[in-house]
């Protein structure tokens, strides 16, 4: 799995002009499921994201608190394009991305895992054309990946 994680002051996602998910302070997680990913990838990624200390606290670093500590939320958006291969030609190849029938249940499982860890979660609509709006805080943007069920 590959996640692009952005620390935000607020974010929303629209489908066909309607807001389908919206959060205040928290994390926007653009989530790409790769061919071969499984439940262990879901579990390790959810635990890592919920526990990452990337929010401002009292310390000097600006990376002292987790989304739990700040009472934040997660906006999870499925995004197969994170697994694009652009090394050849002009058109990206998406052969590394999991097929929708595999990716959607793992995406839903990720949402449920974050929720079980006590973080409110909003979502987009799997497979839909979405408009994501956000106010990036920092900006802080991280890429987090799993391999063989562990964060790498």
N, C-alpha and C. Protein backbone atom coordinates (compact mmCIF):
# COMPACT_ATOMS: atom_id res chain seq x y z
N UNK A 1 0.85 -1.18 0.00
CA UNK A 1 0.00 0.00 0.00
C UNK A 1 0.88 1.23 0.00
N UNK A 2 0.38 2.24 -0.61
CA UNK A 2 1.09 3.52 -0.63
C UNK A 2 0.10 4.59 -0.21
N UNK A 3 0.51 5.42 0.73
CA UNK A 3 -0.35 6.51 1.20
C UNK A 3 0.41 7.82 1.12
N UNK A 4 -0.23 8.82 0.56
CA UNK A 4 0.25 10.18 0.65
C UNK A 4 -0.58 10.82 1.76
N UNK A 5 0.12 11.27 2.80
CA UNK A 5 -0.53 11.75 4.01
C UNK A 5 -0.25 13.24 4.15
N UNK A 6 -1.31 14.02 4.28
CA UNK A 6 -1.16 15.46 4.42
C UNK A 6 -1.79 15.92 5.73
N UNK A 7 -1.01 16.68 6.50
CA UNK A 7 -1.54 17.28 7.73
C UNK A 7 -2.36 18.50 7.30
N UNK A 8 -3.63 18.54 7.73
CA UNK A 8 -4.52 19.59 7.26
C UNK A 8 -5.23 20.30 8.41
N UNK A 9 -5.63 21.53 8.12
CA UNK A 9 -6.50 22.27 9.03
C UNK A 9 -7.96 21.95 8.74
N UNK A 10 -8.23 21.49 7.52
CA UNK A 10 -9.57 21.10 7.11
C UNK A 10 -9.52 20.56 5.70
N UNK A 11 -10.49 19.72 5.34
CA UNK A 11 -10.54 19.13 4.01
C UNK A 11 -11.94 18.62 3.72
N UNK A 12 -12.25 18.54 2.43
CA UNK A 12 -13.53 17.97 2.02
C UNK A 12 -13.36 17.29 0.67
N UNK A 13 -14.32 16.43 0.35
CA UNK A 13 -14.34 15.76 -0.94
C UNK A 13 -15.75 15.82 -1.49
N UNK A 14 -15.83 16.15 -2.79
CA UNK A 14 -17.11 16.26 -3.48
C UNK A 14 -17.19 15.22 -4.60
N UNK A 15 -18.39 14.71 -4.80
CA UNK A 15 -18.70 13.83 -5.92
C UNK A 15 -19.95 14.39 -6.57
N UNK A 16 -19.88 14.67 -7.85
CA UNK A 16 -21.01 15.26 -8.59
C UNK A 16 -21.53 16.52 -7.91
N UNK A 17 -20.62 17.33 -7.37
CA UNK A 17 -20.97 18.60 -6.75
C UNK A 17 -21.44 18.52 -5.31
N UNK A 18 -21.63 17.31 -4.78
CA UNK A 18 -22.10 17.14 -3.40
C UNK A 18 -20.94 16.76 -2.49
N UNK A 19 -20.87 17.39 -1.32
CA UNK A 19 -19.86 17.02 -0.32
C UNK A 19 -20.23 15.65 0.24
N UNK A 20 -19.31 14.70 0.12
CA UNK A 20 -19.55 13.34 0.64
C UNK A 20 -18.69 13.05 1.86
N UNK A 21 -17.67 13.87 2.10
CA UNK A 21 -16.82 13.71 3.27
C UNK A 21 -16.16 15.03 3.61
N UNK A 22 -16.05 15.31 4.92
CA UNK A 22 -15.46 16.57 5.34
C UNK A 22 -14.89 16.43 6.75
N UNK A 23 -13.69 17.00 6.96
CA UNK A 23 -13.07 16.98 8.29
C UNK A 23 -12.52 18.36 8.62
N UNK A 24 -12.28 18.57 9.91
CA UNK A 24 -11.52 19.72 10.36
C UNK A 24 -10.06 19.31 10.44
N UNK A 25 -9.39 19.68 11.53
CA UNK A 25 -7.98 19.33 11.69
C UNK A 25 -7.79 17.82 11.63
N UNK A 26 -6.74 17.40 10.94
CA UNK A 26 -6.47 15.97 10.86
C UNK A 26 -5.56 15.62 9.71
N UNK A 27 -5.83 14.47 9.12
CA UNK A 27 -5.01 13.94 8.04
C UNK A 27 -5.87 13.62 6.82
N UNK A 28 -5.39 14.04 5.66
CA UNK A 28 -5.95 13.54 4.40
C UNK A 28 -5.03 12.40 3.98
N UNK A 29 -5.62 11.25 3.74
CA UNK A 29 -4.86 10.07 3.34
C UNK A 29 -5.33 9.65 1.96
N UNK A 30 -4.45 9.85 0.97
CA UNK A 30 -4.69 9.35 -0.38
C UNK A 30 -4.11 7.94 -0.40
N UNK A 31 -4.94 6.93 -0.60
CA UNK A 31 -4.54 5.54 -0.41
C UNK A 31 -4.58 4.76 -1.70
N UNK A 32 -3.42 4.21 -2.07
CA UNK A 32 -3.31 3.36 -3.24
C UNK A 32 -3.04 1.93 -2.82
N UNK A 33 -3.86 1.01 -3.29
CA UNK A 33 -3.68 -0.41 -2.98
C UNK A 33 -2.95 -1.07 -4.14
N UNK A 34 -1.87 -1.76 -3.82
CA UNK A 34 -1.06 -2.43 -4.85
C UNK A 34 -1.47 -3.89 -4.98
N UNK A 35 -1.19 -4.44 -6.14
CA UNK A 35 -1.39 -5.86 -6.36
C UNK A 35 -0.53 -6.61 -5.33
N UNK A 36 -1.12 -7.52 -4.59
CA UNK A 36 -0.39 -8.28 -3.58
C UNK A 36 -0.57 -7.77 -2.17
N UNK A 37 -1.19 -6.60 -1.99
CA UNK A 37 -1.45 -6.09 -0.64
C UNK A 37 -2.51 -6.94 0.03
N UNK A 38 -2.46 -6.96 1.37
CA UNK A 38 -3.43 -7.74 2.13
C UNK A 38 -3.77 -7.08 3.45
N UNK A 39 -4.48 -7.82 4.29
CA UNK A 39 -4.95 -7.29 5.57
C UNK A 39 -3.81 -6.86 6.48
N UNK A 40 -2.68 -7.52 6.43
CA UNK A 40 -1.56 -7.11 7.28
C UNK A 40 -1.04 -5.73 6.87
N UNK A 41 -1.09 -5.41 5.57
CA UNK A 41 -0.71 -4.07 5.11
C UNK A 41 -1.69 -3.03 5.66
N UNK A 42 -2.97 -3.35 5.61
CA UNK A 42 -4.01 -2.46 6.14
C UNK A 42 -3.76 -2.16 7.61
N UNK A 43 -3.55 -3.21 8.40
CA UNK A 43 -3.40 -3.06 9.84
C UNK A 43 -2.15 -2.26 10.21
N UNK A 44 -1.03 -2.56 9.56
CA UNK A 44 0.20 -1.83 9.91
C UNK A 44 0.14 -0.38 9.46
N UNK A 45 -0.46 -0.11 8.31
CA UNK A 45 -0.56 1.26 7.82
C UNK A 45 -1.49 2.08 8.72
N UNK A 46 -2.63 1.53 9.07
CA UNK A 46 -3.57 2.25 9.95
C UNK A 46 -2.92 2.57 11.29
N UNK A 47 -2.25 1.60 11.89
CA UNK A 47 -1.59 1.83 13.18
C UNK A 47 -0.50 2.88 13.07
N UNK A 48 0.27 2.84 12.01
CA UNK A 48 1.35 3.82 11.81
C UNK A 48 0.78 5.23 11.68
N UNK A 49 -0.24 5.40 10.83
CA UNK A 49 -0.79 6.73 10.58
C UNK A 49 -1.44 7.32 11.82
N UNK A 50 -2.14 6.51 12.58
CA UNK A 50 -2.81 7.00 13.78
C UNK A 50 -1.78 7.40 14.85
N UNK A 51 -0.66 6.71 14.90
CA UNK A 51 0.35 6.99 15.93
C UNK A 51 1.44 7.98 15.54
N UNK A 52 1.53 8.33 14.24
CA UNK A 52 2.60 9.23 13.81
C UNK A 52 2.50 10.58 14.49
N UNK A 53 3.61 11.04 15.04
CA UNK A 53 3.64 12.36 15.68
C UNK A 53 4.05 13.40 14.65
N UNK A 54 3.04 13.99 14.00
CA UNK A 54 3.31 14.98 12.96
C UNK A 54 2.56 16.29 13.17
N UNK A 55 1.93 16.42 14.34
CA UNK A 55 1.23 17.65 14.66
C UNK A 55 2.03 18.47 15.67
N UNK A 56 1.77 19.77 15.66
CA UNK A 56 2.46 20.68 16.57
C UNK A 56 2.05 20.43 18.00
N UNK A 57 3.05 20.49 18.87
CA UNK A 57 2.81 20.40 20.31
C UNK A 57 3.56 21.52 20.98
N UNK A 58 3.96 21.28 22.18
CA UNK A 58 4.70 22.28 22.95
C UNK A 58 6.19 22.28 22.63
N UNK A 59 6.67 21.22 21.98
CA UNK A 59 8.10 21.11 21.68
C UNK A 59 8.53 22.01 20.55
N UNK A 60 9.81 22.07 20.33
CA UNK A 60 10.39 22.94 19.31
C UNK A 60 10.28 22.34 17.90
N UNK A 61 10.11 21.03 17.81
CA UNK A 61 10.19 20.40 16.50
C UNK A 61 8.93 20.61 15.64
N UNK A 62 7.80 20.81 16.26
CA UNK A 62 6.56 20.88 15.50
C UNK A 62 6.02 19.51 15.13
N UNK A 63 6.65 18.46 15.61
CA UNK A 63 6.24 17.09 15.35
C UNK A 63 6.17 16.34 16.67
N UNK A 64 5.23 16.76 17.50
CA UNK A 64 5.16 16.23 18.86
C UNK A 64 3.90 15.43 19.16
N UNK A 65 2.85 15.63 18.38
CA UNK A 65 1.57 15.00 18.70
C UNK A 65 1.04 14.21 17.51
N UNK A 66 0.22 13.21 17.83
CA UNK A 66 -0.43 12.39 16.81
C UNK A 66 -1.83 12.93 16.54
N UNK A 67 -2.49 12.38 15.55
CA UNK A 67 -3.87 12.76 15.25
C UNK A 67 -4.77 12.43 16.45
N UNK A 68 -4.43 11.40 17.21
CA UNK A 68 -5.17 11.08 18.43
C UNK A 68 -5.02 12.21 19.43
N UNK A 69 -3.77 12.65 19.64
CA UNK A 69 -3.48 13.67 20.64
C UNK A 69 -4.18 14.99 20.37
N UNK A 70 -4.37 15.34 19.11
CA UNK A 70 -5.00 16.63 18.76
C UNK A 70 -6.50 16.50 18.55
N UNK A 71 -7.06 15.30 18.73
CA UNK A 71 -8.49 15.10 18.53
C UNK A 71 -8.90 15.27 17.08
N UNK A 72 -7.99 14.91 16.16
CA UNK A 72 -8.24 15.09 14.74
C UNK A 72 -9.00 13.95 14.10
N UNK A 73 -9.23 14.10 12.81
CA UNK A 73 -9.96 13.12 12.00
C UNK A 73 -9.12 12.73 10.79
N UNK A 74 -9.60 11.74 10.06
CA UNK A 74 -8.96 11.30 8.82
C UNK A 74 -9.98 11.38 7.69
N UNK A 75 -9.53 11.92 6.57
CA UNK A 75 -10.30 11.87 5.32
C UNK A 75 -9.55 10.91 4.41
N UNK A 76 -10.12 9.73 4.18
CA UNK A 76 -9.46 8.68 3.38
C UNK A 76 -10.04 8.66 1.97
N UNK A 77 -9.15 8.81 0.98
CA UNK A 77 -9.54 8.85 -0.42
C UNK A 77 -8.80 7.74 -1.17
N UNK A 78 -9.54 6.88 -1.86
CA UNK A 78 -8.89 5.84 -2.66
C UNK A 78 -8.25 6.50 -3.88
N UNK A 79 -7.03 6.06 -4.23
CA UNK A 79 -6.34 6.66 -5.37
C UNK A 79 -5.37 5.67 -6.00
N UNK A 80 -5.88 4.91 -6.97
CA UNK A 80 -5.05 3.90 -7.63
C UNK A 80 -3.88 4.53 -8.38
N UNK A 81 -3.99 5.81 -8.76
CA UNK A 81 -2.93 6.44 -9.54
C UNK A 81 -1.63 6.58 -8.76
N UNK A 82 -1.65 6.35 -7.46
CA UNK A 82 -0.40 6.38 -6.68
C UNK A 82 0.56 5.28 -7.10
N UNK A 83 0.04 4.27 -7.79
CA UNK A 83 0.89 3.17 -8.24
C UNK A 83 1.22 3.28 -9.74
N UNK A 84 1.16 4.48 -10.26
CA UNK A 84 1.49 4.69 -11.68
C UNK A 84 2.97 4.47 -11.93
N UNK A 85 3.26 3.87 -13.07
CA UNK A 85 4.63 3.71 -13.55
C UNK A 85 4.77 4.63 -14.76
N UNK A 86 5.64 5.62 -14.64
CA UNK A 86 5.80 6.61 -15.71
C UNK A 86 7.17 6.52 -16.37
N UNK A 87 7.85 5.39 -16.20
CA UNK A 87 9.21 5.25 -16.73
C UNK A 87 9.25 5.14 -18.25
N UNK A 88 8.21 4.58 -18.86
CA UNK A 88 8.22 4.39 -20.31
C UNK A 88 7.09 5.18 -20.94
N UNK A 89 7.37 5.79 -22.04
CA UNK A 89 6.35 6.47 -22.81
C UNK A 89 5.80 7.71 -22.13
N UNK A 90 4.65 8.13 -22.61
CA UNK A 90 4.02 9.35 -22.10
C UNK A 90 2.75 9.08 -21.33
N UNK A 91 2.27 7.86 -21.39
CA UNK A 91 1.04 7.51 -20.68
C UNK A 91 1.40 6.61 -19.50
N UNK A 92 0.92 6.95 -18.29
CA UNK A 92 1.24 6.10 -17.13
C UNK A 92 0.64 4.71 -17.27
N UNK A 93 1.35 3.75 -16.71
CA UNK A 93 0.85 2.39 -16.62
C UNK A 93 0.41 2.15 -15.17
N UNK A 94 -0.70 1.47 -15.00
CA UNK A 94 -1.22 1.23 -13.65
C UNK A 94 -1.26 -0.26 -13.32
N UNK A 95 -0.38 -1.03 -13.95
CA UNK A 95 -0.39 -2.48 -13.75
C UNK A 95 -0.03 -2.89 -12.32
N UNK A 96 0.66 -2.03 -11.57
CA UNK A 96 1.01 -2.36 -10.18
C UNK A 96 -0.15 -2.16 -9.22
N UNK A 97 -1.17 -1.42 -9.64
CA UNK A 97 -2.33 -1.18 -8.78
C UNK A 97 -3.22 -2.42 -8.74
N UNK A 98 -3.80 -2.67 -7.58
CA UNK A 98 -4.71 -3.81 -7.44
C UNK A 98 -5.98 -3.56 -8.25
N UNK A 99 -6.57 -4.61 -8.75
CA UNK A 99 -7.84 -4.52 -9.47
C UNK A 99 -8.91 -4.00 -8.50
N UNK A 100 -9.92 -3.30 -8.99
CA UNK A 100 -10.94 -2.74 -8.11
C UNK A 100 -11.60 -3.75 -7.18
N UNK A 101 -11.84 -4.96 -7.66
CA UNK A 101 -12.50 -5.96 -6.81
C UNK A 101 -11.62 -6.41 -5.65
N UNK A 102 -10.32 -6.18 -5.74
CA UNK A 102 -9.40 -6.46 -4.64
C UNK A 102 -9.16 -5.18 -3.82
N UNK A 103 -9.00 -4.07 -4.50
CA UNK A 103 -8.66 -2.82 -3.84
C UNK A 103 -9.78 -2.28 -2.96
N UNK A 104 -11.00 -2.34 -3.44
CA UNK A 104 -12.11 -1.74 -2.68
C UNK A 104 -12.29 -2.36 -1.30
N UNK A 105 -12.30 -3.69 -1.17
CA UNK A 105 -12.44 -4.26 0.19
C UNK A 105 -11.26 -3.88 1.10
N UNK A 106 -10.05 -3.77 0.55
CA UNK A 106 -8.91 -3.38 1.38
C UNK A 106 -8.98 -1.92 1.77
N UNK A 107 -9.44 -1.07 0.88
CA UNK A 107 -9.67 0.34 1.21
C UNK A 107 -10.71 0.45 2.32
N UNK A 108 -11.83 -0.25 2.19
CA UNK A 108 -12.87 -0.24 3.22
C UNK A 108 -12.34 -0.78 4.53
N UNK A 109 -11.51 -1.79 4.47
CA UNK A 109 -10.90 -2.36 5.68
C UNK A 109 -9.98 -1.35 6.36
N UNK A 110 -9.26 -0.56 5.56
CA UNK A 110 -8.40 0.50 6.11
C UNK A 110 -9.26 1.52 6.86
N UNK A 111 -10.35 1.94 6.26
CA UNK A 111 -11.26 2.90 6.90
C UNK A 111 -11.76 2.34 8.23
N UNK A 112 -12.17 1.08 8.24
CA UNK A 112 -12.65 0.45 9.46
C UNK A 112 -11.54 0.33 10.50
N UNK A 113 -10.32 0.04 10.07
CA UNK A 113 -9.19 -0.09 11.01
C UNK A 113 -8.90 1.24 11.70
N UNK A 114 -8.92 2.32 10.95
CA UNK A 114 -8.69 3.65 11.54
C UNK A 114 -9.81 3.96 12.52
N UNK A 115 -11.04 3.66 12.15
CA UNK A 115 -12.19 3.89 13.03
C UNK A 115 -12.05 3.08 14.32
N UNK A 116 -11.65 1.81 14.20
CA UNK A 116 -11.46 0.96 15.39
C UNK A 116 -10.38 1.52 16.31
N UNK A 117 -9.42 2.26 15.75
CA UNK A 117 -8.37 2.87 16.55
C UNK A 117 -8.82 4.19 17.19
N UNK A 118 -10.10 4.51 17.03
CA UNK A 118 -10.68 5.65 17.72
C UNK A 118 -10.62 6.98 16.99
N UNK A 119 -10.32 6.96 15.71
CA UNK A 119 -10.23 8.19 14.93
C UNK A 119 -11.46 8.31 14.04
N UNK A 120 -12.18 9.44 14.11
CA UNK A 120 -13.29 9.64 13.18
C UNK A 120 -12.77 9.66 11.74
N UNK A 121 -13.47 8.96 10.86
CA UNK A 121 -13.04 8.83 9.47
C UNK A 121 -14.17 9.24 8.53
N UNK A 122 -13.82 10.06 7.56
CA UNK A 122 -14.70 10.41 6.46
C UNK A 122 -14.06 9.84 5.20
N UNK A 123 -14.86 9.63 4.16
CA UNK A 123 -14.32 9.03 2.94
C UNK A 123 -14.87 9.72 1.70
N UNK A 124 -14.21 9.39 0.61
CA UNK A 124 -14.75 9.72 -0.70
C UNK A 124 -15.60 8.55 -1.15
N UNK A 125 -15.76 8.40 -2.46
CA UNK A 125 -16.51 7.30 -3.03
C UNK A 125 -15.55 6.50 -3.91
N UNK A 126 -15.35 5.25 -3.58
CA UNK A 126 -14.40 4.41 -4.31
C UNK A 126 -14.75 4.41 -5.80
N UNK A 127 -13.75 4.67 -6.62
CA UNK A 127 -13.89 4.61 -8.07
C UNK A 127 -14.54 5.83 -8.71
N UNK A 128 -15.00 6.78 -7.91
CA UNK A 128 -15.67 7.96 -8.46
C UNK A 128 -14.65 9.03 -8.84
N UNK A 129 -15.06 9.92 -9.72
CA UNK A 129 -14.29 11.13 -9.97
C UNK A 129 -14.59 12.06 -8.80
N UNK A 130 -13.54 12.49 -8.10
CA UNK A 130 -13.73 13.28 -6.90
C UNK A 130 -12.97 14.60 -7.00
N UNK A 131 -13.47 15.59 -6.29
CA UNK A 131 -12.80 16.87 -6.13
C UNK A 131 -12.43 16.99 -4.66
N UNK A 132 -11.13 16.99 -4.38
CA UNK A 132 -10.65 17.07 -3.01
C UNK A 132 -10.12 18.48 -2.76
N UNK A 133 -10.62 19.11 -1.70
CA UNK A 133 -10.15 20.43 -1.30
C UNK A 133 -9.56 20.31 0.09
N UNK A 134 -8.44 21.01 0.30
CA UNK A 134 -7.82 20.94 1.62
C UNK A 134 -7.01 22.19 1.89
N UNK A 135 -6.81 22.43 3.18
CA UNK A 135 -5.90 23.48 3.63
C UNK A 135 -4.76 22.75 4.31
N UNK A 136 -3.63 22.65 3.60
CA UNK A 136 -2.47 21.93 4.11
C UNK A 136 -1.85 22.73 5.24
N UNK A 137 -1.52 22.07 6.32
CA UNK A 137 -0.96 22.70 7.51
C UNK A 137 0.53 22.46 7.55
N UNK A 138 1.30 23.46 7.26
CA UNK A 138 2.77 23.35 7.32
C UNK A 138 3.45 23.95 6.11
N UNK A 139 3.39 23.38 4.98
CA UNK A 139 2.73 22.12 4.64
C UNK A 139 3.54 20.91 5.12
N UNK A 140 2.81 19.89 5.53
CA UNK A 140 3.42 18.62 5.90
C UNK A 140 2.78 17.55 5.03
N UNK A 141 3.60 16.91 4.20
CA UNK A 141 3.14 15.85 3.31
C UNK A 141 4.16 14.72 3.38
N UNK A 142 3.68 13.52 3.68
CA UNK A 142 4.55 12.34 3.81
C UNK A 142 4.06 11.23 2.90
N UNK A 143 4.98 10.41 2.43
CA UNK A 143 4.63 9.20 1.69
C UNK A 143 4.97 8.02 2.59
N UNK A 144 3.97 7.18 2.84
CA UNK A 144 4.15 6.02 3.71
C UNK A 144 3.77 4.78 2.90
N UNK A 145 4.64 3.77 2.93
CA UNK A 145 4.39 2.55 2.16
C UNK A 145 4.51 1.32 3.03
N UNK A 146 3.83 0.27 2.60
CA UNK A 146 3.98 -1.03 3.24
C UNK A 146 4.54 -2.03 2.24
N UNK A 147 5.17 -3.03 2.78
CA UNK A 147 5.65 -4.16 1.98
C UNK A 147 5.61 -5.38 2.87
N UNK A 148 5.02 -6.44 2.39
CA UNK A 148 4.92 -7.69 3.14
C UNK A 148 4.30 -7.46 4.52
N UNK A 149 3.31 -6.55 4.59
CA UNK A 149 2.58 -6.36 5.82
C UNK A 149 3.25 -5.49 6.86
N UNK A 150 4.29 -4.78 6.48
CA UNK A 150 4.94 -3.90 7.44
C UNK A 150 5.25 -2.56 6.77
N UNK A 151 5.29 -1.51 7.58
CA UNK A 151 5.60 -0.20 7.05
C UNK A 151 7.09 -0.14 6.75
N UNK A 152 7.43 0.37 5.58
CA UNK A 152 8.84 0.45 5.18
C UNK A 152 9.26 1.90 5.01
